[in-house]
């Protein structure tokens, strides 16, 4: 809800309640878009060659190289043991490499291998092609709306991510565990 208009009467059309149908619609559209885009990309890039969980790990490590398993699990919102297993599969497949973290023999830094970088680039190119082809078929007005919405959607994602991290830290402090 827009806090600048929080004191406005509920009948004011400028004040919208984003907790109901609007939030549900946004979530539904984003979920559907992700699902159909993944399915569409699979026409060019077979599922067996790179499961979506591995794509997401490669994307994260391309953006934030050198991350450890625990940090990666936190960022991906997955259990550490799940990420550890995923990382092991990806190391075995030659997509990732583990390097000892300087000063801590028990910890490792994770980085994409050359093969991992190339496979991620191929997946992203297929993704870009499929999305680009679909966007070209939309009316220009819709393309403009979508393009202009990207920064706002990125800000919304960052806000939700920050709120989740803060909540997790607060809960960990209260329970005496690591976030």
N, C-alpha and C. Protein backbone atom coordinates (compact mmCIF):
# COMPACT_ATOMS: atom_id res chain seq x y z
N UNK A 1 0.84 -1.17 0.00
CA UNK A 1 0.00 0.00 0.00
C UNK A 1 0.88 1.23 0.00
N UNK A 2 0.46 2.25 -0.69
CA UNK A 2 1.22 3.49 -0.77
C UNK A 2 1.08 4.23 0.55
N UNK A 3 2.16 4.32 1.32
CA UNK A 3 2.08 4.95 2.64
C UNK A 3 1.85 6.44 2.56
N UNK A 4 2.16 7.06 1.43
CA UNK A 4 1.92 8.49 1.28
C UNK A 4 0.43 8.79 1.30
N UNK A 5 -0.37 7.82 0.90
CA UNK A 5 -1.82 8.00 0.87
C UNK A 5 -2.51 7.22 1.98
N UNK A 6 -1.77 6.78 2.97
CA UNK A 6 -2.33 5.91 4.00
C UNK A 6 -3.47 6.57 4.76
N UNK A 7 -3.47 7.90 4.87
CA UNK A 7 -4.52 8.57 5.62
C UNK A 7 -5.71 8.92 4.75
N UNK A 8 -5.64 8.67 3.46
CA UNK A 8 -6.74 8.99 2.56
C UNK A 8 -7.91 8.05 2.83
N UNK A 9 -9.12 8.51 2.57
CA UNK A 9 -10.29 7.65 2.79
C UNK A 9 -10.21 6.41 1.91
N UNK A 10 -10.79 5.33 2.38
CA UNK A 10 -10.75 4.06 1.66
C UNK A 10 -11.44 4.16 0.31
N UNK A 11 -12.33 5.13 0.13
CA UNK A 11 -13.02 5.28 -1.15
C UNK A 11 -12.19 6.03 -2.18
N UNK A 12 -11.06 6.58 -1.79
CA UNK A 12 -10.19 7.31 -2.71
C UNK A 12 -9.63 6.32 -3.73
N UNK A 13 -9.90 6.53 -5.03
CA UNK A 13 -9.43 5.58 -6.04
C UNK A 13 -7.91 5.53 -6.17
N UNK A 14 -7.19 6.53 -5.63
CA UNK A 14 -5.73 6.52 -5.69
C UNK A 14 -5.14 5.54 -4.69
N UNK A 15 -5.94 5.14 -3.70
CA UNK A 15 -5.48 4.22 -2.67
C UNK A 15 -5.92 2.82 -3.06
N UNK A 16 -4.94 1.92 -3.18
CA UNK A 16 -5.27 0.55 -3.57
C UNK A 16 -4.79 -0.41 -2.52
N UNK A 17 -5.56 -1.43 -2.30
CA UNK A 17 -5.18 -2.49 -1.38
C UNK A 17 -4.53 -3.61 -2.19
N UNK A 18 -3.22 -3.77 -2.03
CA UNK A 18 -2.49 -4.77 -2.81
C UNK A 18 -2.39 -6.11 -2.09
N UNK A 19 -3.20 -6.32 -1.08
CA UNK A 19 -3.10 -7.57 -0.33
C UNK A 19 -4.03 -8.64 -0.86
N UNK A 20 -4.97 -8.30 -1.71
CA UNK A 20 -5.96 -9.27 -2.17
C UNK A 20 -5.73 -9.72 -3.58
N UNK A 21 -6.73 -9.45 -4.42
CA UNK A 21 -6.73 -9.95 -5.79
C UNK A 21 -5.54 -9.45 -6.60
N UNK A 22 -5.12 -8.19 -6.38
CA UNK A 22 -3.99 -7.67 -7.15
C UNK A 22 -2.72 -8.47 -6.86
N UNK A 23 -2.46 -8.75 -5.59
CA UNK A 23 -1.27 -9.53 -5.23
C UNK A 23 -1.39 -10.94 -5.80
N UNK A 24 -2.58 -11.52 -5.72
CA UNK A 24 -2.82 -12.87 -6.24
C UNK A 24 -2.60 -12.89 -7.75
N UNK A 25 -3.11 -11.89 -8.44
CA UNK A 25 -2.96 -11.82 -9.90
C UNK A 25 -1.49 -11.67 -10.29
N UNK A 26 -0.77 -10.80 -9.60
CA UNK A 26 0.65 -10.60 -9.90
C UNK A 26 1.43 -11.90 -9.69
N UNK A 27 1.18 -12.55 -8.57
CA UNK A 27 1.86 -13.81 -8.28
C UNK A 27 1.52 -14.86 -9.34
N UNK A 28 0.26 -14.93 -9.70
CA UNK A 28 -0.17 -15.90 -10.71
C UNK A 28 0.48 -15.66 -12.07
N UNK A 29 0.54 -14.41 -12.49
CA UNK A 29 1.13 -14.09 -13.78
C UNK A 29 2.63 -14.38 -13.78
N UNK A 30 3.31 -14.01 -12.71
CA UNK A 30 4.76 -14.25 -12.64
C UNK A 30 5.04 -15.75 -12.64
N UNK A 31 4.27 -16.50 -11.87
CA UNK A 31 4.45 -17.96 -11.81
C UNK A 31 4.21 -18.58 -13.18
N UNK A 32 3.12 -18.17 -13.83
CA UNK A 32 2.80 -18.72 -15.15
C UNK A 32 3.87 -18.35 -16.17
N UNK A 33 4.33 -17.10 -16.14
CA UNK A 33 5.37 -16.66 -17.07
C UNK A 33 6.64 -17.48 -16.89
N UNK A 34 7.06 -17.69 -15.65
CA UNK A 34 8.26 -18.50 -15.40
C UNK A 34 8.08 -19.92 -15.93
N UNK A 35 6.91 -20.51 -15.66
CA UNK A 35 6.66 -21.89 -16.07
C UNK A 35 6.67 -22.01 -17.59
N UNK A 36 5.94 -21.14 -18.29
CA UNK A 36 5.86 -21.27 -19.75
C UNK A 36 7.19 -20.89 -20.41
N UNK A 37 7.92 -19.97 -19.82
CA UNK A 37 9.23 -19.62 -20.39
C UNK A 37 10.20 -20.79 -20.24
N UNK A 38 10.21 -21.42 -19.05
CA UNK A 38 11.08 -22.60 -18.87
C UNK A 38 10.71 -23.69 -19.86
N UNK A 39 9.41 -23.94 -19.99
CA UNK A 39 8.95 -24.98 -20.90
C UNK A 39 9.32 -24.65 -22.34
N UNK A 40 9.17 -23.40 -22.71
CA UNK A 40 9.50 -22.95 -24.06
C UNK A 40 10.99 -23.08 -24.35
N UNK A 41 11.82 -22.71 -23.39
CA UNK A 41 13.27 -22.81 -23.56
C UNK A 41 13.68 -24.27 -23.74
N UNK A 42 12.96 -25.17 -23.09
CA UNK A 42 13.30 -26.60 -23.17
C UNK A 42 13.14 -27.15 -24.58
N UNK A 43 12.41 -26.44 -25.44
CA UNK A 43 12.31 -26.87 -26.84
C UNK A 43 13.67 -26.77 -27.53
N UNK A 44 14.48 -25.81 -27.10
CA UNK A 44 15.82 -25.63 -27.65
C UNK A 44 16.90 -26.24 -26.77
N UNK A 45 16.63 -26.27 -25.48
CA UNK A 45 17.66 -26.66 -24.51
C UNK A 45 17.09 -27.77 -23.64
N UNK A 46 17.36 -29.03 -23.95
CA UNK A 46 16.73 -30.16 -23.25
C UNK A 46 16.93 -30.12 -21.73
N UNK A 47 15.87 -30.46 -21.02
CA UNK A 47 15.85 -30.46 -19.55
C UNK A 47 16.99 -31.28 -18.98
N UNK A 48 17.24 -32.43 -19.57
CA UNK A 48 18.24 -33.35 -19.03
C UNK A 48 19.63 -32.72 -19.00
N UNK A 49 19.90 -31.81 -19.91
CA UNK A 49 21.24 -31.24 -19.97
C UNK A 49 21.48 -30.20 -18.89
N UNK A 50 20.42 -29.60 -18.35
CA UNK A 50 20.61 -28.59 -17.31
C UNK A 50 19.30 -28.35 -16.57
N UNK A 51 19.08 -29.05 -15.45
CA UNK A 51 17.87 -28.82 -14.66
C UNK A 51 17.79 -27.38 -14.16
N UNK A 52 16.59 -26.88 -13.94
CA UNK A 52 16.39 -25.49 -13.54
C UNK A 52 17.14 -25.14 -12.26
N UNK A 53 17.20 -26.05 -11.31
CA UNK A 53 17.94 -25.77 -10.07
C UNK A 53 19.40 -25.48 -10.37
N UNK A 54 19.97 -26.21 -11.34
CA UNK A 54 21.36 -25.97 -11.72
C UNK A 54 21.51 -24.64 -12.47
N UNK A 55 20.53 -24.30 -13.30
CA UNK A 55 20.56 -23.01 -13.99
C UNK A 55 20.61 -21.89 -12.95
N UNK A 56 19.76 -21.99 -11.94
CA UNK A 56 19.70 -20.94 -10.92
C UNK A 56 21.00 -20.83 -10.13
N UNK A 57 21.64 -21.96 -9.84
CA UNK A 57 22.93 -21.93 -9.15
C UNK A 57 23.99 -21.30 -10.05
N UNK A 58 24.01 -21.69 -11.31
CA UNK A 58 24.98 -21.09 -12.24
C UNK A 58 24.77 -19.59 -12.36
N UNK A 59 23.51 -19.17 -12.46
CA UNK A 59 23.23 -17.73 -12.56
C UNK A 59 23.71 -16.99 -11.31
N UNK A 60 23.44 -17.55 -10.15
CA UNK A 60 23.84 -16.90 -8.90
C UNK A 60 25.35 -16.79 -8.81
N UNK A 61 26.06 -17.88 -9.13
CA UNK A 61 27.52 -17.86 -9.02
C UNK A 61 28.17 -17.04 -10.14
N UNK A 62 27.50 -16.89 -11.26
CA UNK A 62 28.01 -15.99 -12.30
C UNK A 62 27.92 -14.55 -11.80
N UNK A 63 26.85 -14.25 -11.07
CA UNK A 63 26.67 -12.90 -10.52
C UNK A 63 27.52 -12.66 -9.27
N UNK A 64 27.70 -13.71 -8.47
CA UNK A 64 28.42 -13.59 -7.19
C UNK A 64 29.43 -14.73 -7.06
N UNK A 65 30.50 -14.70 -7.84
CA UNK A 65 31.48 -15.79 -7.79
C UNK A 65 32.18 -15.88 -6.43
N UNK A 66 32.60 -17.12 -6.12
CA UNK A 66 33.37 -17.33 -4.90
C UNK A 66 32.55 -17.56 -3.66
N UNK A 67 31.25 -17.64 -3.80
CA UNK A 67 30.36 -17.85 -2.67
C UNK A 67 30.57 -19.27 -2.12
N UNK A 68 30.36 -19.44 -0.83
CA UNK A 68 30.41 -20.76 -0.22
C UNK A 68 29.04 -21.42 -0.25
N UNK A 69 28.99 -22.69 0.13
CA UNK A 69 27.75 -23.45 0.09
C UNK A 69 26.68 -22.83 0.99
N UNK A 70 27.04 -22.45 2.21
CA UNK A 70 26.05 -21.87 3.13
C UNK A 70 25.48 -20.56 2.60
N UNK A 71 26.35 -19.70 2.09
CA UNK A 71 25.88 -18.43 1.53
C UNK A 71 25.00 -18.67 0.31
N UNK A 72 25.39 -19.62 -0.51
CA UNK A 72 24.60 -19.96 -1.69
C UNK A 72 23.22 -20.47 -1.27
N UNK A 73 23.19 -21.33 -0.27
CA UNK A 73 21.91 -21.85 0.23
C UNK A 73 21.04 -20.71 0.74
N UNK A 74 21.62 -19.79 1.49
CA UNK A 74 20.86 -18.64 1.99
C UNK A 74 20.30 -17.82 0.84
N UNK A 75 21.13 -17.54 -0.14
CA UNK A 75 20.71 -16.70 -1.27
C UNK A 75 19.62 -17.38 -2.11
N UNK A 76 19.74 -18.70 -2.25
CA UNK A 76 18.78 -19.44 -3.06
C UNK A 76 17.54 -19.85 -2.26
N UNK A 77 17.57 -19.59 -0.96
CA UNK A 77 16.45 -19.94 -0.08
C UNK A 77 16.22 -21.46 -0.05
N UNK A 78 17.33 -22.19 0.03
CA UNK A 78 17.27 -23.65 0.07
C UNK A 78 18.04 -24.15 1.28
N UNK A 79 17.76 -25.37 1.68
CA UNK A 79 18.48 -25.99 2.79
C UNK A 79 19.93 -26.22 2.38
N UNK A 80 20.83 -26.08 3.33
CA UNK A 80 22.26 -26.24 3.04
C UNK A 80 22.56 -27.62 2.49
N UNK A 81 21.94 -28.66 3.05
CA UNK A 81 22.21 -30.02 2.55
C UNK A 81 21.72 -30.20 1.11
N UNK A 82 20.62 -29.53 0.75
CA UNK A 82 20.12 -29.59 -0.62
C UNK A 82 21.13 -28.95 -1.57
N UNK A 83 21.63 -27.79 -1.20
CA UNK A 83 22.60 -27.08 -2.04
C UNK A 83 23.91 -27.86 -2.10
N UNK A 84 24.32 -28.45 -0.99
CA UNK A 84 25.54 -29.24 -0.96
C UNK A 84 25.46 -30.40 -1.96
N UNK A 85 24.32 -31.08 -1.98
CA UNK A 85 24.12 -32.18 -2.94
C UNK A 85 24.12 -31.67 -4.38
N UNK A 86 23.44 -30.56 -4.59
CA UNK A 86 23.38 -29.96 -5.91
C UNK A 86 24.77 -29.55 -6.39
N UNK A 87 25.54 -28.94 -5.50
CA UNK A 87 26.91 -28.52 -5.83
C UNK A 87 27.75 -29.75 -6.18
N UNK A 88 27.62 -30.82 -5.41
CA UNK A 88 28.39 -32.03 -5.70
C UNK A 88 28.07 -32.56 -7.09
N UNK A 89 26.79 -32.59 -7.45
CA UNK A 89 26.40 -33.04 -8.79
C UNK A 89 27.03 -32.14 -9.86
N UNK A 90 27.04 -30.84 -9.60
CA UNK A 90 27.54 -29.89 -10.58
C UNK A 90 29.06 -29.93 -10.69
N UNK A 91 29.74 -30.22 -9.59
CA UNK A 91 31.20 -30.40 -9.63
C UNK A 91 31.51 -31.65 -10.44
N UNK A 92 30.79 -32.74 -10.17
CA UNK A 92 30.98 -33.99 -10.90
C UNK A 92 30.73 -33.80 -12.39
N UNK A 93 29.73 -32.98 -12.73
CA UNK A 93 29.39 -32.72 -14.14
C UNK A 93 30.34 -31.72 -14.80
N UNK A 94 31.27 -31.17 -14.02
CA UNK A 94 32.23 -30.22 -14.58
C UNK A 94 31.69 -28.82 -14.78
N UNK A 95 30.61 -28.47 -14.07
CA UNK A 95 30.01 -27.14 -14.18
C UNK A 95 30.57 -26.16 -13.16
N UNK A 96 30.96 -26.69 -12.00
CA UNK A 96 31.48 -25.86 -10.91
C UNK A 96 32.81 -26.42 -10.44
N UNK A 97 33.58 -25.54 -9.82
CA UNK A 97 34.80 -25.98 -9.15
C UNK A 97 34.79 -25.45 -7.73
N UNK A 98 35.34 -26.26 -6.84
CA UNK A 98 35.52 -25.85 -5.44
C UNK A 98 36.99 -25.49 -5.26
N UNK A 99 37.22 -24.35 -4.62
CA UNK A 99 38.60 -24.00 -4.28
C UNK A 99 38.64 -23.70 -2.80
N UNK A 100 39.70 -24.14 -2.12
CA UNK A 100 39.79 -23.88 -0.68
C UNK A 100 39.75 -22.38 -0.40
N UNK A 101 39.04 -22.03 0.64
CA UNK A 101 38.96 -20.62 1.04
C UNK A 101 40.22 -20.27 1.83
N UNK A 102 40.92 -19.24 1.42
CA UNK A 102 42.13 -18.85 2.15
C UNK A 102 41.83 -18.58 3.62
N UNK A 103 42.63 -19.16 4.48
CA UNK A 103 42.46 -18.94 5.91
C UNK A 103 41.47 -19.86 6.60
N UNK A 104 40.76 -20.69 5.84
CA UNK A 104 39.78 -21.61 6.44
C UNK A 104 39.76 -22.89 5.59
N UNK A 105 40.51 -23.89 6.02
CA UNK A 105 40.65 -25.12 5.25
C UNK A 105 39.34 -25.87 5.08
N UNK A 106 38.39 -25.65 5.99
CA UNK A 106 37.12 -26.37 5.92
C UNK A 106 36.16 -25.76 4.90
N UNK A 107 36.32 -24.49 4.61
CA UNK A 107 35.39 -23.80 3.71
C UNK A 107 35.93 -23.77 2.28
N UNK A 108 35.00 -23.70 1.33
CA UNK A 108 35.38 -23.63 -0.08
C UNK A 108 34.66 -22.46 -0.75
N UNK A 109 35.29 -21.98 -1.80
CA UNK A 109 34.65 -21.00 -2.68
C UNK A 109 34.18 -21.75 -3.92
N UNK A 110 33.01 -21.39 -4.40
CA UNK A 110 32.44 -22.03 -5.58
C UNK A 110 32.51 -21.08 -6.77
N UNK A 111 32.95 -21.62 -7.89
CA UNK A 111 33.05 -20.82 -9.12
C UNK A 111 32.64 -21.67 -10.31
N UNK A 112 32.16 -21.00 -11.35
CA UNK A 112 31.84 -21.70 -12.58
C UNK A 112 33.12 -22.13 -13.27
N UNK A 113 33.09 -23.31 -13.86
CA UNK A 113 34.18 -23.74 -14.72
C UNK A 113 33.95 -23.11 -16.09
N UNK A 114 34.89 -23.29 -16.98
CA UNK A 114 34.70 -22.81 -18.36
C UNK A 114 33.48 -23.49 -18.97
N UNK A 115 33.34 -24.79 -18.73
CA UNK A 115 32.19 -25.54 -19.23
C UNK A 115 30.89 -24.98 -18.64
N UNK A 116 30.88 -24.71 -17.35
CA UNK A 116 29.70 -24.14 -16.71
C UNK A 116 29.34 -22.78 -17.29
N UNK A 117 30.34 -21.97 -17.54
CA UNK A 117 30.13 -20.65 -18.14
C UNK A 117 29.53 -20.77 -19.54
N UNK A 118 30.06 -21.71 -20.32
CA UNK A 118 29.57 -21.90 -21.69
C UNK A 118 28.15 -22.45 -21.71
N UNK A 119 27.86 -23.39 -20.83
CA UNK A 119 26.51 -23.96 -20.79
C UNK A 119 25.51 -22.91 -20.32
N UNK A 120 25.88 -22.13 -19.32
CA UNK A 120 24.99 -21.06 -18.86
C UNK A 120 24.75 -20.05 -19.98
N UNK A 121 25.78 -19.69 -20.71
CA UNK A 121 25.64 -18.74 -21.82
C UNK A 121 24.69 -19.30 -22.89
N UNK A 122 24.81 -20.60 -23.18
CA UNK A 122 23.93 -21.22 -24.18
C UNK A 122 22.48 -21.22 -23.68
N UNK A 123 22.29 -21.54 -22.40
CA UNK A 123 20.95 -21.54 -21.83
C UNK A 123 20.37 -20.12 -21.87
N UNK A 124 21.16 -19.14 -21.48
CA UNK A 124 20.67 -17.76 -21.48
C UNK A 124 20.36 -17.27 -22.89
N UNK A 125 21.15 -17.69 -23.87
CA UNK A 125 20.88 -17.31 -25.25
C UNK A 125 19.56 -17.91 -25.72
N UNK A 126 19.31 -19.18 -25.38
CA UNK A 126 18.03 -19.80 -25.73
C UNK A 126 16.88 -19.08 -25.04
N UNK A 127 17.06 -18.75 -23.78
CA UNK A 127 16.05 -18.03 -23.02
C UNK A 127 15.78 -16.66 -23.66
N UNK A 128 16.85 -15.94 -23.99
CA UNK A 128 16.71 -14.62 -24.61
C UNK A 128 15.98 -14.71 -25.95
N UNK A 129 16.34 -15.73 -26.75
CA UNK A 129 15.69 -15.90 -28.06
C UNK A 129 14.20 -16.14 -27.90
N UNK A 130 13.85 -17.06 -27.01
CA UNK A 130 12.43 -17.41 -26.85
C UNK A 130 11.63 -16.22 -26.33
N UNK A 131 12.15 -15.54 -25.33
CA UNK A 131 11.45 -14.39 -24.78
C UNK A 131 11.41 -13.26 -25.81
N UNK A 132 12.51 -13.04 -26.51
CA UNK A 132 12.55 -12.00 -27.53
C UNK A 132 11.54 -12.24 -28.64
N UNK A 133 11.43 -13.49 -29.08
CA UNK A 133 10.46 -13.83 -30.13
C UNK A 133 9.04 -13.55 -29.66
N UNK A 134 8.75 -13.89 -28.43
CA UNK A 134 7.40 -13.65 -27.90
C UNK A 134 7.13 -12.15 -27.75
N UNK A 135 8.11 -11.43 -27.23
CA UNK A 135 7.93 -9.98 -27.06
C UNK A 135 7.71 -9.28 -28.40
N UNK A 136 8.39 -9.73 -29.44
CA UNK A 136 8.22 -9.13 -30.76
C UNK A 136 6.80 -9.26 -31.28
N UNK A 137 6.10 -10.30 -30.85
CA UNK A 137 4.73 -10.52 -31.32
C UNK A 137 3.69 -9.72 -30.53
N UNK A 138 4.11 -9.11 -29.43
CA UNK A 138 3.20 -8.27 -28.65
C UNK A 138 3.09 -6.89 -29.27
N UNK A 139 1.97 -6.21 -29.04
CA UNK A 139 1.87 -4.82 -29.48
C UNK A 139 2.95 -3.97 -28.79
N UNK A 140 3.41 -2.93 -29.48
CA UNK A 140 4.46 -2.08 -28.95
C UNK A 140 4.10 -1.51 -27.59
N UNK A 141 2.84 -1.14 -27.40
CA UNK A 141 2.42 -0.57 -26.12
C UNK A 141 2.66 -1.57 -24.98
N UNK A 142 2.38 -2.85 -25.21
CA UNK A 142 2.62 -3.87 -24.18
C UNK A 142 4.11 -4.03 -23.92
N UNK A 143 4.90 -4.04 -25.01
CA UNK A 143 6.36 -4.17 -24.84
C UNK A 143 6.89 -3.01 -24.00
N UNK A 144 6.40 -1.82 -24.25
CA UNK A 144 6.83 -0.65 -23.47
C UNK A 144 6.45 -0.78 -22.01
N UNK A 145 5.23 -1.25 -21.74
CA UNK A 145 4.79 -1.42 -20.36
C UNK A 145 5.67 -2.45 -19.66
N UNK A 146 5.94 -3.55 -20.33
CA UNK A 146 6.78 -4.60 -19.74
C UNK A 146 8.19 -4.06 -19.47
N UNK A 147 8.76 -3.38 -20.44
CA UNK A 147 10.10 -2.81 -20.27
C UNK A 147 10.14 -1.83 -19.10
N UNK A 148 9.13 -1.00 -19.00
CA UNK A 148 9.09 -0.01 -17.92
C UNK A 148 8.80 -0.63 -16.56
N UNK A 149 8.20 -1.82 -16.55
CA UNK A 149 7.88 -2.49 -15.29
C UNK A 149 9.07 -3.22 -14.68
N UNK A 150 10.08 -3.53 -15.48
CA UNK A 150 11.22 -4.32 -15.00
C UNK A 150 11.90 -3.68 -13.79
N UNK A 151 12.23 -2.39 -13.79
CA UNK A 151 12.86 -1.81 -12.60
C UNK A 151 11.97 -1.89 -11.35
N UNK A 152 10.68 -1.69 -11.52
CA UNK A 152 9.76 -1.77 -10.38
C UNK A 152 9.68 -3.20 -9.85
N UNK A 153 9.64 -4.17 -10.73
CA UNK A 153 9.60 -5.57 -10.29
C UNK A 153 10.91 -5.96 -9.61
N UNK A 154 12.03 -5.47 -10.12
CA UNK A 154 13.33 -5.73 -9.48
C UNK A 154 13.36 -5.10 -8.09
N UNK A 155 12.82 -3.90 -7.95
CA UNK A 155 12.77 -3.24 -6.64
C UNK A 155 11.87 -4.01 -5.69
N UNK A 156 10.75 -4.52 -6.19
CA UNK A 156 9.85 -5.32 -5.36
C UNK A 156 10.55 -6.59 -4.88
N UNK A 157 11.26 -7.27 -5.78
CA UNK A 157 11.99 -8.48 -5.40
C UNK A 157 13.05 -8.17 -4.35
N UNK A 158 13.78 -7.09 -4.55
CA UNK A 158 14.83 -6.70 -3.58
C UNK A 158 14.22 -6.37 -2.23
N UNK A 159 13.09 -5.69 -2.22
CA UNK A 159 12.42 -5.35 -0.97
C UNK A 159 11.99 -6.61 -0.22
N UNK A 160 11.37 -7.54 -0.94
CA UNK A 160 10.94 -8.79 -0.30
C UNK A 160 12.13 -9.59 0.20
N UNK A 161 13.20 -9.62 -0.57
CA UNK A 161 14.41 -10.35 -0.18
C UNK A 161 15.02 -9.74 1.08
N UNK A 162 15.09 -8.42 1.13
CA UNK A 162 15.65 -7.73 2.29
C UNK A 162 14.79 -7.97 3.52
N UNK A 163 13.47 -7.91 3.36
CA UNK A 163 12.58 -8.16 4.48
C UNK A 163 12.74 -9.59 5.00
N UNK A 164 12.87 -10.56 4.09
CA UNK A 164 13.08 -11.95 4.49
C UNK A 164 14.39 -12.11 5.25
N UNK A 165 15.45 -11.49 4.75
CA UNK A 165 16.75 -11.60 5.42
C UNK A 165 16.70 -10.98 6.81
N UNK A 166 16.04 -9.85 6.94
CA UNK A 166 15.91 -9.20 8.25
C UNK A 166 15.11 -10.08 9.20
N UNK A 167 14.00 -10.63 8.71
CA UNK A 167 13.17 -11.50 9.54
C UNK A 167 13.95 -12.74 9.97
N UNK A 168 14.70 -13.34 9.05
CA UNK A 168 15.49 -14.52 9.39
C UNK A 168 16.56 -14.21 10.43
N UNK A 169 17.23 -13.06 10.29
CA UNK A 169 18.24 -12.66 11.28
C UNK A 169 17.59 -12.44 12.65
N UNK A 170 16.45 -11.77 12.67
CA UNK A 170 15.76 -11.51 13.93
C UNK A 170 15.33 -12.82 14.60
N UNK A 171 14.80 -13.74 13.81
CA UNK A 171 14.39 -15.04 14.36
C UNK A 171 15.59 -15.82 14.87
N UNK A 172 16.70 -15.75 14.16
CA UNK A 172 17.91 -16.46 14.60
C UNK A 172 18.43 -15.87 15.90
N UNK A 173 18.40 -14.56 16.03
CA UNK A 173 18.85 -13.93 17.27
C UNK A 173 17.97 -14.36 18.44
N UNK A 174 16.67 -14.41 18.21
CA UNK A 174 15.75 -14.80 19.28
C UNK A 174 15.95 -16.26 19.69
N UNK A 175 16.27 -17.11 18.71
CA UNK A 175 16.44 -18.52 19.03
C UNK A 175 17.88 -18.88 19.35
N UNK A 176 18.81 -17.93 19.14
CA UNK A 176 20.21 -18.18 19.44
C UNK A 176 20.92 -19.02 18.40
N UNK A 177 20.37 -19.08 17.16
CA UNK A 177 21.00 -19.85 16.09
C UNK A 177 21.51 -18.91 15.02
N UNK A 178 22.28 -19.48 14.08
CA UNK A 178 22.81 -18.72 12.95
C UNK A 178 21.69 -18.51 11.93
N UNK A 179 21.58 -17.30 11.34
CA UNK A 179 20.54 -17.07 10.33
C UNK A 179 20.78 -17.88 9.08
